[in-house]
Protein backbone atom coordinates (compact mmCIF):
# COMPACT_ATOMS: atom_id res chain seq x y z
CA MET A 1 -7.93 -16.24 13.06
CA LYS A 2 -6.28 -14.68 16.10
CA ALA A 3 -6.00 -10.91 16.44
CA GLU A 4 -2.21 -11.20 16.47
CA GLU A 5 -2.26 -13.00 13.13
CA ILE A 6 -4.41 -10.32 11.54
CA LEU A 7 -2.31 -7.45 12.88
CA ALA A 8 0.86 -9.06 11.56
CA HIS A 9 -0.52 -8.44 8.06
CA VAL A 10 -1.61 -4.84 8.68
CA ASP A 11 0.08 -1.67 7.47
CA HIS A 12 -1.01 0.56 10.36
CA THR A 13 -1.89 3.66 8.39
CA LEU A 14 -2.10 7.39 8.98
CA LEU A 15 -2.09 9.42 5.78
CA LYS A 16 -4.55 12.18 6.62
CA GLN A 17 -3.52 15.64 5.45
CA THR A 18 -3.99 16.98 8.98
CA ALA A 19 -1.74 14.42 10.71
CA THR A 20 0.68 16.08 13.12
CA TRP A 21 3.89 14.63 14.57
CA ALA A 22 2.00 13.84 17.78
CA ASP A 23 -0.55 11.87 15.74
CA ILE A 24 2.21 10.05 13.90
CA GLN A 25 3.94 9.16 17.19
CA ARG A 26 0.71 7.66 18.55
CA THR A 27 0.34 5.57 15.41
CA CYS A 28 3.97 4.42 15.63
CA ASP A 29 3.61 3.55 19.32
CA GLU A 30 0.56 1.43 18.47
CA ALA A 31 2.40 -0.27 15.62
CA VAL A 32 5.24 -1.22 17.95
CA LYS A 33 2.94 -2.33 20.78
CA TYR A 34 0.65 -4.45 18.60
CA HIS A 35 3.31 -5.76 16.18
CA THR A 36 1.77 -4.60 12.92
CA ALA A 37 3.62 -5.34 9.67
CA THR A 38 4.54 -1.68 9.15
CA VAL A 39 3.51 1.84 9.93
CA MET A 40 2.32 3.61 6.76
CA VAL A 41 2.91 7.36 6.92
CA PRO A 42 3.59 10.44 4.76
CA SER A 43 7.21 10.61 3.60
CA SER A 44 7.94 13.87 5.45
CA TYR A 45 7.82 11.95 8.74
CA VAL A 46 10.04 9.04 7.72
CA PRO A 47 13.39 10.49 8.94
CA ARG A 48 11.97 11.39 12.35
CA ILE A 49 10.41 7.96 12.79
CA VAL A 50 13.63 6.19 11.84
CA ALA A 51 15.59 8.39 14.27
CA GLU A 52 13.17 7.81 17.14
CA TYR A 53 12.17 4.16 16.68
CA GLY A 54 15.09 2.59 14.81
CA ASP A 55 14.75 -1.14 14.22
CA ALA A 56 11.66 -1.40 16.43
CA LEU A 57 9.46 -0.42 13.52
CA LYS A 58 9.30 -1.05 9.79
CA VAL A 59 8.40 2.18 7.97
CA ALA A 60 6.39 2.34 4.75
CA THR A 61 5.45 5.46 2.81
CA VAL A 62 3.57 6.56 -0.29
CA VAL A 63 4.72 7.98 -3.62
CA GLY A 64 2.66 9.93 -6.16
CA PHE A 65 -0.09 9.93 -3.57
CA PRO A 66 -3.05 10.05 -3.87
CA ASN A 67 -3.66 10.96 -7.54
CA GLY A 68 -0.75 9.23 -9.27
CA ASN A 69 -0.61 11.63 -12.20
CA CYS A 70 2.64 13.46 -11.48
CA ASN A 71 5.47 12.71 -13.89
CA THR A 72 7.70 9.68 -13.55
CA ALA A 73 10.77 11.77 -12.70
CA ALA A 74 8.93 13.17 -9.69
CA LYS A 75 8.00 9.68 -8.51
CA ILE A 76 11.58 8.52 -8.94
CA ALA A 77 12.89 11.46 -6.92
CA GLU A 78 10.27 10.94 -4.22
CA THR A 79 11.08 7.24 -4.00
CA ALA A 80 14.83 7.81 -3.89
CA GLN A 81 14.49 10.32 -1.06
CA ALA A 82 12.13 8.09 0.94
CA LEU A 83 14.53 5.16 0.64
CA ALA A 84 17.49 7.35 1.60
CA ASP A 85 15.52 8.50 4.65
CA GLY A 86 15.03 4.90 5.75
CA ALA A 87 11.69 3.78 4.32
CA GLN A 88 11.62 0.03 3.82
CA GLU A 89 8.45 -0.21 1.76
CA ILE A 90 7.03 2.07 -0.95
CA ASP A 91 3.38 2.22 -2.01
CA MET A 92 3.20 4.03 -5.36
CA VAL A 93 0.07 5.17 -7.20
CA ILE A 94 -0.05 4.43 -10.92
CA ASN A 95 -0.95 7.06 -13.50
CA ILE A 96 -4.61 6.11 -13.73
CA GLY A 97 -5.30 8.31 -16.75
CA MET A 98 -2.51 6.64 -18.70
CA LEU A 99 -3.91 3.21 -17.89
CA LYS A 100 -7.43 4.23 -18.90
CA ALA A 101 -6.05 5.60 -22.19
CA GLY A 102 -4.50 2.21 -22.92
CA GLU A 103 -0.93 3.46 -22.44
CA THR A 104 0.09 0.38 -20.52
CA ASP A 105 3.75 0.59 -21.52
CA TYR A 106 3.98 3.93 -19.71
CA VAL A 107 2.46 2.41 -16.57
CA THR A 108 4.66 -0.67 -16.71
CA ASP A 109 7.83 1.32 -17.35
CA GLU A 110 7.09 3.58 -14.39
CA ILE A 111 6.58 0.61 -12.08
CA ARG A 112 9.79 -0.98 -13.37
CA ALA A 113 11.76 2.22 -12.75
CA LEU A 114 10.60 2.43 -9.14
CA LYS A 115 11.20 -1.26 -8.50
CA LYS A 116 14.74 -0.86 -9.82
CA LEU A 117 15.28 1.85 -7.20
CA CYS A 118 13.71 -0.23 -4.43
CA GLY A 119 15.82 -3.30 -5.14
CA ALA A 120 15.17 -5.79 -2.35
CA ARG A 121 12.86 -3.37 -0.58
CA VAL A 122 9.14 -3.83 -1.12
CA LEU A 123 7.22 -1.98 -3.83
CA LYS A 124 3.44 -2.03 -3.70
CA VAL A 125 1.46 -0.60 -6.62
CA ILE A 126 -1.86 1.13 -5.96
CA VAL A 127 -4.15 0.81 -8.98
CA GLU A 128 -7.23 2.53 -7.47
CA THR A 129 -9.80 -0.02 -8.60
CA CYS A 130 -12.78 2.25 -7.91
CA PHE A 131 -11.89 4.21 -11.06
CA LEU A 132 -11.30 1.18 -13.29
CA THR A 133 -13.43 -1.16 -15.37
CA GLU A 134 -12.86 -4.89 -15.10
CA ASP A 135 -10.80 -4.86 -18.30
CA GLU A 136 -8.70 -2.01 -16.91
CA ILE A 137 -8.11 -3.93 -13.67
CA VAL A 138 -6.90 -6.86 -15.76
CA ALA A 139 -4.57 -4.52 -17.65
CA ALA A 140 -3.31 -3.12 -14.34
CA CYS A 141 -2.54 -6.66 -13.13
CA HIS A 142 -0.38 -7.21 -16.20
CA CYS A 143 1.43 -3.88 -15.70
CA VAL A 144 2.20 -4.67 -12.07
CA THR A 145 3.40 -8.17 -12.94
CA ASP A 146 5.51 -7.09 -15.92
CA GLY A 147 6.96 -4.17 -13.94
CA GLY A 148 8.29 -6.58 -11.31
CA ALA A 149 6.45 -5.12 -8.31
CA ASP A 150 6.01 -7.09 -5.11
CA PHE A 151 2.35 -6.22 -4.49
CA ILE A 152 -0.74 -5.00 -6.25
CA LYS A 153 -2.89 -2.83 -3.99
CA THR A 154 -6.54 -1.93 -4.46
CA SER A 155 -6.89 1.63 -3.24
CA THR A 156 -5.49 4.80 -1.74
CA GLY A 157 -8.41 5.24 0.63
CA PHE A 158 -8.90 8.69 -0.93
CA GLY A 159 -10.90 7.55 -3.97
CA SER A 160 -14.63 7.01 -4.35
CA ALA A 161 -14.51 3.49 -2.86
CA GLY A 162 -12.13 1.07 -1.20
CA ALA A 163 -11.32 -2.59 -1.63
CA LYS A 164 -14.03 -4.93 -2.90
CA LEU A 165 -13.58 -8.60 -2.18
CA SER A 166 -15.50 -10.21 -5.03
CA GLU A 167 -14.73 -7.65 -7.74
CA ASP A 168 -11.15 -6.59 -7.00
CA ILE A 169 -9.42 -9.44 -5.20
CA GLU A 170 -10.94 -12.23 -7.25
CA CYS A 171 -9.91 -10.42 -10.43
CA PHE A 172 -6.39 -9.87 -9.09
CA LYS A 173 -6.05 -13.56 -8.27
CA LYS A 174 -6.84 -14.56 -11.84
CA HIS A 175 -4.53 -12.11 -13.57
CA ILE A 176 -1.44 -11.30 -11.47
CA GLY A 177 1.77 -13.27 -11.82
CA PRO A 178 2.79 -15.88 -9.25
CA LYS A 179 5.32 -13.58 -7.55
CA VAL A 180 2.86 -10.72 -6.99
CA GLN A 181 1.11 -10.49 -3.62
CA MET A 182 -2.14 -8.67 -2.92
CA LYS A 183 -2.88 -5.80 -0.54
CA ALA A 184 -6.43 -4.71 0.19
CA ALA A 185 -6.89 -1.15 1.42
CA GLY A 186 -9.63 1.41 1.86
CA GLY A 187 -12.91 0.95 3.69
CA ILE A 188 -11.78 -2.02 5.80
CA HIS A 189 -13.29 -1.36 9.20
CA THR A 190 -14.35 -4.63 10.85
CA ARG A 191 -12.68 -7.80 12.04
CA GLU A 192 -14.86 -9.80 9.67
CA GLU A 193 -13.72 -7.75 6.69
CA MET A 194 -10.05 -8.10 7.62
CA GLU A 195 -10.37 -11.84 8.04
CA ALA A 196 -12.25 -12.21 4.76
CA PHE A 197 -9.58 -10.41 2.75
CA LEU A 198 -6.81 -12.47 4.34
CA GLU A 199 -8.68 -15.72 3.74
CA ALA A 200 -9.13 -14.68 0.10
CA GLY A 201 -5.36 -14.56 -0.31
CA CYS A 202 -4.31 -11.03 0.59
CA THR A 203 -1.05 -10.97 2.52
CA ARG A 204 -1.26 -7.34 3.52
CA LEU A 205 -4.07 -5.00 4.62
CA GLY A 206 -4.05 -1.23 4.66
CA ALA A 207 -6.17 -0.20 7.60
CA SER A 208 -6.25 2.67 10.04
CA ALA A 209 -8.90 1.00 12.19
CA ALA A 210 -7.33 -2.42 12.74
CA VAL A 211 -5.62 -1.67 16.04
CA SER A 212 -8.68 0.01 17.58
CA VAL A 213 -10.89 -2.88 16.47
CA LEU A 214 -8.62 -5.70 17.63
CA LYS A 215 -6.66 -4.39 20.62
CA ASP A 216 -9.23 -5.53 23.19
CA GLU A 217 -8.64 -9.14 22.09
CA LEU A 218 -4.94 -8.96 22.99
């Protein structure tokens, strides 16, 4: 797989708490130069990115990040503002505690509410697999499917572990609906790992290291 092909599936990510505007600009410049799928940034920077880069860059941001346990109204407000500011993709974190308690209707309804706001724009749902049992991952797959989301995503990158190929992605493949795509994120650092996740059926990768790893091949 060529480096260009891999990068076309990458959300070039900078979500560190310490990220400054200068850091965000560098990440955006790399995303434009290396033609990544999106730049994934905190929502506070979305208006400035849209103003500076316009159509040269597709902007994605996070909602309810990284813990997911704020109330649904807060996630709705956060999503609405991000979309109004020009974000084209939203990566939301589910309420993990609700899922673990078996309150799957709550999780599904929250996903559905955010997808209704997004409309044709992409909604990815972070289920944070490192905190879930296999049965809970299966339940999360059903919530994401029934909620109408575009993607199920493994991780925030802020949990105890990132994406796991055999445990997470293989489980996703068995239990998501046919219209749901997969995004692997967290702990993806090498070319071999990126290629393996894509070959397993992921159509998007969340990675902060992809450009630095692959740029010498371009």
